[in-house]
């Protein structure tokens, strides 16, 4: 009995130590810039946004541009509203079960959280179209150049799981959050060390945009934009 209690005690202490270390490392690495200031060699004339809903971050891009027309990748017909009059598209990556089964925090189940945290589930891209976007404390505008946009485009396209014809796999579901969003199968595994925000942060780093070395939380990204305002 004593041995069991000792093992249990060490296990609990180990879990506490892991959680403390996890949050401490994230707090440090998310504050260290993962990008560098370079001399501008192209005009930064493309407006994008980094947006958060308080937990999860999306990258918001112009629907139509010389670099890419997102309607050709994510057809507006796949949304409930089927509204062509949209100027921006928000794109985020995350655990598929979390996306489809947890429209609100009150719907979160322990099983869904565990599957996501342990990297046991599939992933998806959540695509939302917007007519207009307003900058606020959870949404920051960023001016980028064409080279950076190409990097962002490639990163998103590489995250998609495609069929044999090379087309994104649309997820037929009634779990949309509104009239202008849709889900698509994605590549990669969501887990404790690579969250939806890690995906966004990695994309921003690749494009040499404000970002941290590593983060799993939205605030680890947003602080780099809040400090620039």
C-alpha atoms as a PDB file:
ATOM      1  CA  UNK A   1       0.000   0.000   0.000  1.00  0.00           C
ATOM      2  CA  UNK A   2       2.843   2.314   0.920  1.00  0.00           C
ATOM      3  CA  UNK A   3       4.605   1.542  -2.368  1.00  0.00           C
ATOM      4  CA  UNK A   4       1.474   2.330  -4.356  1.00  0.00           C
ATOM      5  CA  UNK A   5       1.048   5.665  -2.579  1.00  0.00           C
ATOM      6  CA  UNK A   6       4.697   6.515  -3.219  1.00  0.00           C
ATOM      7  CA  UNK A   7       4.381   5.750  -6.940  1.00  0.00           C
ATOM      8  CA  UNK A   8       1.168   7.758  -7.136  1.00  0.00           C
ATOM      9  CA  UNK A   9       2.798  10.677  -5.345  1.00  0.00           C
ATOM     10  CA  UNK A  10       5.792  10.682  -7.677  1.00  0.00           C
ATOM     11  CA  UNK A  11       3.482  10.468 -10.685  1.00  0.00           C
ATOM     12  CA  UNK A  12       1.470  13.475  -9.527  1.00  0.00           C
ATOM     13  CA  UNK A  13       4.631  15.466  -8.808  1.00  0.00           C
ATOM     14  CA  UNK A  14       6.005  14.507 -12.197  1.00  0.00           C
ATOM     15  CA  UNK A  15       2.841  15.713 -13.918  1.00  0.00           C
ATOM     16  CA  UNK A  16       2.938  18.992 -12.000  1.00  0.00           C
ATOM     17  CA  UNK A  17       6.603  19.491 -12.915  1.00  0.00           C
ATOM     18  CA  UNK A  18       5.822  18.770 -16.572  1.00  0.00           C
ATOM     19  CA  UNK A  19       2.949  21.274 -16.653  1.00  0.00           C
ATOM     20  CA  UNK A  20       5.043  23.983 -14.970  1.00  0.00           C
ATOM     21  CA  UNK A  21       7.970  23.367 -17.353  1.00  0.00           C
ATOM     22  CA  UNK A  22       5.616  23.281 -20.361  1.00  0.00           C
ATOM     23  CA  UNK A  23       4.101  26.679 -19.595  1.00  0.00           C
ATOM     24  CA  UNK A  24       7.456  28.164 -18.612  1.00  0.00           C
ATOM     25  CA  UNK A  25       9.207  27.116 -21.828  1.00  0.00           C
ATOM     26  CA  UNK A  26       6.244  28.326 -23.897  1.00  0.00           C
ATOM     27  CA  UNK A  27       6.234  31.684 -22.105  1.00  0.00           C
ATOM     28  CA  UNK A  28       9.940  32.156 -22.836  1.00  0.00           C
ATOM     29  CA  UNK A  29      10.123  30.886 -26.420  1.00  0.00           C
ATOM     30  CA  UNK A  30       6.944  32.645 -27.518  1.00  0.00           C
ATOM     31  CA  UNK A  31       8.481  35.976 -26.490  1.00  0.00           C
ATOM     32  CA  UNK A  32      11.743  35.451 -28.366  1.00  0.00           C
ATOM     33  CA  UNK A  33      11.311  36.745 -31.943  1.00  0.00           C
ATOM     34  CA  UNK A  34      11.381  33.964 -34.515  1.00  0.00           C
ATOM     35  CA  UNK A  35      11.933  36.413 -37.359  1.00  0.00           C
ATOM     36  CA  UNK A  36      14.545  38.957 -38.315  1.00  0.00           C
ATOM     37  CA  UNK A  37      14.280  42.470 -39.666  1.00  0.00           C
ATOM     38  CA  UNK A  38      15.530  42.509 -43.246  1.00  0.00           C
ATOM     39  CA  UNK A  39      15.985  45.230 -45.802  1.00  0.00           C
ATOM     40  CA  UNK A  40      12.820  45.567 -47.846  1.00  0.00           C
ATOM     41  CA  UNK A  41      13.460  44.673 -51.491  1.00  0.00           C
ATOM     42  CA  UNK A  42       9.851  44.465 -52.664  1.00  0.00           C
ATOM     43  CA  UNK A  43       6.876  46.752 -52.050  1.00  0.00           C
ATOM     44  CA  UNK A  44       4.730  45.591 -49.166  1.00  0.00           C
ATOM     45  CA  UNK A  45       1.402  46.346 -50.758  1.00  0.00           C
ATOM     46  CA  UNK A  46      -0.637  43.241 -49.856  1.00  0.00           C
ATOM     47  CA  UNK A  47      -2.911  43.598 -46.841  1.00  0.00           C
ATOM     48  CA  UNK A  48      -3.457  40.540 -44.642  1.00  0.00           C
ATOM     49  CA  UNK A  49      -4.601  40.021 -41.058  1.00  0.00           C
ATOM     50  CA  UNK A  50      -3.608  37.841 -38.127  1.00  0.00           C
ATOM     51  CA  UNK A  51      -6.835  37.076 -36.265  1.00  0.00           C
ATOM     52  CA  UNK A  52      -7.737  35.254 -33.045  1.00  0.00           C
ATOM     53  CA  UNK A  53     -11.053  34.216 -31.535  1.00  0.00           C
ATOM     54  CA  UNK A  54      -9.462  34.285 -28.090  1.00  0.00           C
ATOM     55  CA  UNK A  55      -7.963  30.797 -28.368  1.00  0.00           C
ATOM     56  CA  UNK A  56      -7.324  29.950 -31.998  1.00  0.00           C
ATOM     57  CA  UNK A  57      -5.540  31.996 -34.680  1.00  0.00           C
ATOM     58  CA  UNK A  58      -6.302  32.303 -38.387  1.00  0.00           C
ATOM     59  CA  UNK A  59      -4.439  34.004 -41.184  1.00  0.00           C
ATOM     60  CA  UNK A  60      -6.786  36.250 -43.189  1.00  0.00           C
ATOM     61  CA  UNK A  61      -5.893  36.837 -46.832  1.00  0.00           C
ATOM     62  CA  UNK A  62      -7.358  38.612 -49.864  1.00  0.00           C
ATOM     63  CA  UNK A  63      -9.614  36.207 -51.741  1.00  0.00           C
ATOM     64  CA  UNK A  64      -8.381  37.294 -55.154  1.00  0.00           C
ATOM     65  CA  UNK A  65      -4.823  38.296 -55.993  1.00  0.00           C
ATOM     66  CA  UNK A  66      -2.200  37.664 -58.653  1.00  0.00           C
ATOM     67  CA  UNK A  67      -0.534  35.192 -56.294  1.00  0.00           C
ATOM     68  CA  UNK A  68      -3.667  33.029 -55.899  1.00  0.00           C
ATOM     69  CA  UNK A  69      -7.443  33.069 -56.154  1.00  0.00           C
ATOM     70  CA  UNK A  70      -8.648  31.201 -53.076  1.00  0.00           C
ATOM     71  CA  UNK A  71     -12.075  30.584 -54.607  1.00  0.00           C
ATOM     72  CA  UNK A  72     -10.306  28.172 -56.973  1.00  0.00           C
ATOM     73  CA  UNK A  73      -8.993  26.187 -53.993  1.00  0.00           C
ATOM     74  CA  UNK A  74     -11.903  26.558 -51.584  1.00  0.00           C
ATOM     75  CA  UNK A  75     -15.036  27.100 -53.711  1.00  0.00           C
ATOM     76  CA  UNK A  76     -17.609  29.416 -52.176  1.00  0.00           C
ATOM     77  CA  UNK A  77     -20.220  26.826 -53.231  1.00  0.00           C
ATOM     78  CA  UNK A  78     -18.983  24.656 -50.341  1.00  0.00           C
ATOM     79  CA  UNK A  79     -20.330  27.182 -47.817  1.00  0.00           C
ATOM     80  CA  UNK A  80     -23.961  27.247 -46.719  1.00  0.00           C
ATOM     81  CA  UNK A  81     -24.451  30.846 -47.805  1.00  0.00           C
ATOM     82  CA  UNK A  82     -22.726  30.361 -51.184  1.00  0.00           C
ATOM     83  CA  UNK A  83     -22.012  34.087 -51.224  1.00  0.00           C
ATOM     84  CA  UNK A  84     -19.558  35.140 -53.926  1.00  0.00           C
ATOM     85  CA  UNK A  85     -19.386  38.714 -52.635  1.00  0.00           C
ATOM     86  CA  UNK A  86     -16.468  38.098 -50.245  1.00  0.00           C
ATOM     87  CA  UNK A  87     -13.148  39.962 -50.105  1.00  0.00           C
ATOM     88  CA  UNK A  88     -11.133  38.005 -47.511  1.00  0.00           C
ATOM     89  CA  UNK A  89     -10.620  34.414 -46.495  1.00  0.00           C
ATOM     90  CA  UNK A  90      -9.555  33.279 -43.018  1.00  0.00           C
ATOM     91  CA  UNK A  91      -7.655  30.002 -42.868  1.00  0.00           C
ATOM     92  CA  UNK A  92      -6.762  28.016 -39.770  1.00  0.00           C
ATOM     93  CA  UNK A  93      -5.492  24.510 -39.051  1.00  0.00           C
ATOM     94  CA  UNK A  94      -6.432  22.269 -36.149  1.00  0.00           C
ATOM     95  CA  UNK A  95      -7.684  18.974 -34.775  1.00  0.00           C
ATOM     96  CA  UNK A  96     -10.582  17.724 -36.897  1.00  0.00           C
ATOM     97  CA  UNK A  97     -12.574  16.310 -33.984  1.00  0.00           C
ATOM     98  CA  UNK A  98     -12.154  19.520 -32.022  1.00  0.00           C
ATOM     99  CA  UNK A  99     -13.322  21.597 -34.995  1.00  0.00           C
ATOM    100  CA  UNK A 100     -16.366  19.478 -35.803  1.00  0.00           C
ATOM    101  CA  UNK A 101     -17.497  18.463 -32.325  1.00  0.00           C
ATOM    102  CA  UNK A 102     -16.795  21.607 -30.295  1.00  0.00           C
ATOM    103  CA  UNK A 103     -18.555  24.619 -31.826  1.00  0.00           C
ATOM    104  CA  UNK A 104     -18.569  26.199 -28.346  1.00  0.00           C
ATOM    105  CA  UNK A 105     -16.472  25.573 -25.223  1.00  0.00           C
ATOM    106  CA  UNK A 106     -19.523  24.164 -23.405  1.00  0.00           C
ATOM    107  CA  UNK A 107     -19.528  21.353 -25.983  1.00  0.00           C
ATOM    108  CA  UNK A 108     -15.972  20.241 -25.177  1.00  0.00           C
ATOM    109  CA  UNK A 109     -15.705  16.611 -24.090  1.00  0.00           C
ATOM    110  CA  UNK A 110     -12.763  15.103 -22.216  1.00  0.00           C
ATOM    111  CA  UNK A 111     -12.366  12.445 -24.912  1.00  0.00           C
ATOM    112  CA  UNK A 112     -12.095  15.116 -27.627  1.00  0.00           C
ATOM    113  CA  UNK A 113      -9.484  17.041 -25.639  1.00  0.00           C
ATOM    114  CA  UNK A 114      -7.404  13.931 -24.927  1.00  0.00           C
ATOM    115  CA  UNK A 115      -7.431  12.757 -28.546  1.00  0.00           C
ATOM    116  CA  UNK A 116      -6.272  16.208 -29.667  1.00  0.00           C
ATOM    117  CA  UNK A 117      -3.621  16.618 -26.963  1.00  0.00           C
ATOM    118  CA  UNK A 118      -2.122  13.187 -27.584  1.00  0.00           C
ATOM    119  CA  UNK A 119      -2.033  13.584 -31.357  1.00  0.00           C
ATOM    120  CA  UNK A 120      -4.364  10.652 -31.975  1.00  0.00           C
ATOM    121  CA  UNK A 121      -6.838  12.407 -34.259  1.00  0.00           C
ATOM    122  CA  UNK A 122      -6.988  13.723 -37.783  1.00  0.00           C
ATOM    123  CA  UNK A 123      -6.602  17.376 -38.715  1.00  0.00           C
ATOM    124  CA  UNK A 124      -8.534  19.849 -40.832  1.00  0.00           C
ATOM    125  CA  UNK A 125      -8.360  23.311 -42.325  1.00  0.00           C
ATOM    126  CA  UNK A 126     -11.172  25.672 -41.373  1.00  0.00           C
ATOM    127  CA  UNK A 127     -11.884  28.223 -44.100  1.00  0.00           C
ATOM    128  CA  UNK A 128     -14.066  31.283 -43.478  1.00  0.00           C
ATOM    129  CA  UNK A 129     -14.959  33.970 -45.991  1.00  0.00           C
ATOM    130  CA  UNK A 130     -15.432  37.624 -44.975  1.00  0.00           C
ATOM    131  CA  UNK A 131     -16.828  40.618 -46.790  1.00  0.00           C
ATOM    132  CA  UNK A 132     -14.876  42.971 -44.532  1.00  0.00           C
ATOM    133  CA  UNK A 133     -12.386  42.695 -41.649  1.00  0.00           C
ATOM    134  CA  UNK A 134     -11.935  45.210 -38.840  1.00  0.00           C
ATOM    135  CA  UNK A 135      -8.674  45.618 -36.930  1.00  0.00           C
ATOM    136  CA  UNK A 136      -8.921  45.332 -33.125  1.00  0.00           C
ATOM    137  CA  UNK A 137      -7.045  43.816 -30.170  1.00  0.00           C
ATOM    138  CA  UNK A 138      -7.682  40.327 -31.542  1.00  0.00           C
ATOM    139  CA  UNK A 139      -7.113  41.122 -35.198  1.00  0.00           C
ATOM    140  CA  UNK A 140      -4.021  42.869 -36.569  1.00  0.00           C
ATOM    141  CA  UNK A 141      -3.379  44.053 -40.092  1.00  0.00           C
ATOM    142  CA  UNK A 142      -0.023  43.367 -41.722  1.00  0.00           C
ATOM    143  CA  UNK A 143       1.417  44.592 -44.992  1.00  0.00           C
ATOM    144  CA  UNK A 144       3.426  41.971 -46.855  1.00  0.00           C
ATOM    145  CA  UNK A 145       5.148  41.673 -50.214  1.00  0.00           C
ATOM    146  CA  UNK A 146       4.564  39.170 -53.002  1.00  0.00           C
ATOM    147  CA  UNK A 147       7.464  36.945 -51.921  1.00  0.00           C
ATOM    148  CA  UNK A 148       5.991  36.595 -48.456  1.00  0.00           C
ATOM    149  CA  UNK A 149       2.553  35.884 -49.881  1.00  0.00           C
ATOM    150  CA  UNK A 150       3.990  33.116 -52.048  1.00  0.00           C
ATOM    151  CA  UNK A 151       5.490  31.525 -48.937  1.00  0.00           C
ATOM    152  CA  UNK A 152       2.162  31.739 -47.097  1.00  0.00           C
ATOM    153  CA  UNK A 153       0.298  30.307 -50.089  1.00  0.00           C
ATOM    154  CA  UNK A 154       2.677  27.360 -50.417  1.00  0.00           C
ATOM    155  CA  UNK A 155       2.534  26.634 -46.692  1.00  0.00           C
ATOM    156  CA  UNK A 156      -1.271  26.461 -46.742  1.00  0.00           C
ATOM    157  CA  UNK A 157      -1.419  24.348 -49.886  1.00  0.00           C
ATOM    158  CA  UNK A 158       1.146  21.931 -48.448  1.00  0.00           C
ATOM    159  CA  UNK A 159      -1.042  21.559 -45.351  1.00  0.00           C
ATOM    160  CA  UNK A 160      -3.972  20.264 -47.400  1.00  0.00           C
ATOM    161  CA  UNK A 161      -4.738  16.585 -47.806  1.00  0.00           C
ATOM    162  CA  UNK A 162      -5.643  16.142 -51.478  1.00  0.00           C
ATOM    163  CA  UNK A 163      -7.372  13.457 -53.522  1.00  0.00           C
ATOM    164  CA  UNK A 164      -5.802  11.560 -56.416  1.00  0.00           C
ATOM    165  CA  UNK A 165      -6.690  14.412 -58.755  1.00  0.00           C
ATOM    166  CA  UNK A 166      -4.842  16.900 -56.579  1.00  0.00           C
ATOM    167  CA  UNK A 167      -7.977  18.613 -55.282  1.00  0.00           C
ATOM    168  CA  UNK A 168      -8.543  19.495 -51.605  1.00  0.00           C
ATOM    169  CA  UNK A 169     -10.791  17.025 -49.785  1.00  0.00           C
ATOM    170  CA  UNK A 170     -13.927  18.899 -48.756  1.00  0.00           C
ATOM    171  CA  UNK A 171     -15.476  17.654 -45.509  1.00  0.00           C
ATOM    172  CA  UNK A 172     -19.239  17.315 -45.859  1.00  0.00           C
ATOM    173  CA  UNK A 173     -20.652  18.233 -42.453  1.00  0.00           C
ATOM    174  CA  UNK A 174     -23.386  20.213 -40.743  1.00  0.00           C
ATOM    175  CA  UNK A 175     -20.888  21.484 -38.159  1.00  0.00           C
ATOM    176  CA  UNK A 176     -20.155  24.785 -39.880  1.00  0.00           C
ATOM    177  CA  UNK A 177     -19.965  27.778 -37.565  1.00  0.00           C
ATOM    178  CA  UNK A 178     -21.904  30.088 -39.888  1.00  0.00           C
ATOM    179  CA  UNK A 179     -23.022  30.656 -43.465  1.00  0.00           C
ATOM    180  CA  UNK A 180     -19.582  31.397 -44.894  1.00  0.00           C
ATOM    181  CA  UNK A 181     -17.245  28.658 -43.667  1.00  0.00           C
ATOM    182  CA  UNK A 182     -16.236  25.136 -44.651  1.00  0.00           C
ATOM    183  CA  UNK A 183     -13.807  22.407 -43.588  1.00  0.00           C
ATOM    184  CA  UNK A 184     -11.162  20.524 -45.567  1.00  0.00           C
ATOM    185  CA  UNK A 185      -8.999  17.516 -44.723  1.00  0.00           C
ATOM    186  CA  UNK A 186      -5.470  18.474 -43.673  1.00  0.00           C
ATOM    187  CA  UNK A 187      -2.079  16.914 -43.199  1.00  0.00           C
ATOM    188  CA  UNK A 188      -0.074  16.783 -39.990  1.00  0.00           C
ATOM    189  CA  UNK A 189      -0.826  15.868 -36.387  1.00  0.00           C
ATOM    190  CA  UNK A 190      -2.187  18.152 -33.697  1.00  0.00           C
ATOM    191  CA  UNK A 191      -0.705  17.555 -30.239  1.00  0.00           C
ATOM    192  CA  UNK A 192       0.520  19.231 -27.058  1.00  0.00           C
ATOM    193  CA  UNK A 193       3.574  20.596 -28.838  1.00  0.00           C
ATOM    194  CA  UNK A 194       2.040  21.494 -32.191  1.00  0.00           C
ATOM    195  CA  UNK A 195      -1.294  23.261 -31.852  1.00  0.00           C
ATOM    196  CA  UNK A 196      -3.385  25.356 -34.224  1.00  0.00           C
ATOM    197  CA  UNK A 197      -1.369  28.368 -33.095  1.00  0.00           C
ATOM    198  CA  UNK A 198       1.932  26.563 -33.640  1.00  0.00           C
ATOM    199  CA  UNK A 199       0.820  26.006 -37.234  1.00  0.00           C
ATOM    200  CA  UNK A 200       0.083  29.722 -37.682  1.00  0.00           C
ATOM    201  CA  UNK A 201       3.300  30.755 -35.947  1.00  0.00           C
ATOM    202  CA  UNK A 202       5.370  28.441 -38.146  1.00  0.00           C
ATOM    203  CA  UNK A 203       3.805  29.961 -41.262  1.00  0.00           C
ATOM    204  CA  UNK A 204       4.554  33.486 -40.055  1.00  0.00           C
ATOM    205  CA  UNK A 205       8.159  32.508 -39.286  1.00  0.00           C
ATOM    206  CA  UNK A 206       8.605  31.043 -42.764  1.00  0.00           C
ATOM    207  CA  UNK A 207       7.380  34.319 -44.249  1.00  0.00           C
ATOM    208  CA  UNK A 208       9.656  36.267 -41.881  1.00  0.00           C
ATOM    209  CA  UNK A 209       6.716  37.989 -40.216  1.00  0.00           C
ATOM    210  CA  UNK A 210       6.334  38.816 -36.499  1.00  0.00           C
ATOM    211  CA  UNK A 211       6.268  35.530 -34.602  1.00  0.00           C
ATOM    212  CA  UNK A 212       7.847  33.698 -31.699  1.00  0.00           C
ATOM    213  CA  UNK A 213      10.344  30.838 -31.786  1.00  0.00           C
ATOM    214  CA  UNK A 214       7.618  28.453 -30.579  1.00  0.00           C
ATOM    215  CA  UNK A 215       4.153  28.837 -29.140  1.00  0.00           C
ATOM    216  CA  UNK A 216       0.999  26.823 -28.637  1.00  0.00           C
ATOM    217  CA  UNK A 217      -1.215  29.736 -27.562  1.00  0.00           C
ATOM    218  CA  UNK A 218      -2.683  32.625 -29.532  1.00  0.00           C
ATOM    219  CA  UNK A 219      -1.153  35.198 -27.186  1.00  0.00           C
ATOM    220  CA  UNK A 220       2.289  33.920 -28.131  1.00  0.00           C
ATOM    221  CA  UNK A 221       1.598  35.283 -31.611  1.00  0.00           C
ATOM    222  CA  UNK A 222      -0.559  38.313 -30.897  1.00  0.00           C
ATOM    223  CA  UNK A 223       1.941  39.944 -28.513  1.00  0.00           C
ATOM    224  CA  UNK A 224       4.346  40.425 -31.426  1.00  0.00           C
ATOM    225  CA  UNK A 225       1.672  42.448 -33.250  1.00  0.00           C
ATOM    226  CA  UNK A 226       0.306  44.289 -30.238  1.00  0.00           C
ATOM    227  CA  UNK A 227       3.776  45.623 -29.481  1.00  0.00           C
ATOM    228  CA  UNK A 228       4.080  47.021 -33.020  1.00  0.00           C
ATOM    229  CA  UNK A 229       0.935  49.167 -32.863  1.00  0.00           C
END
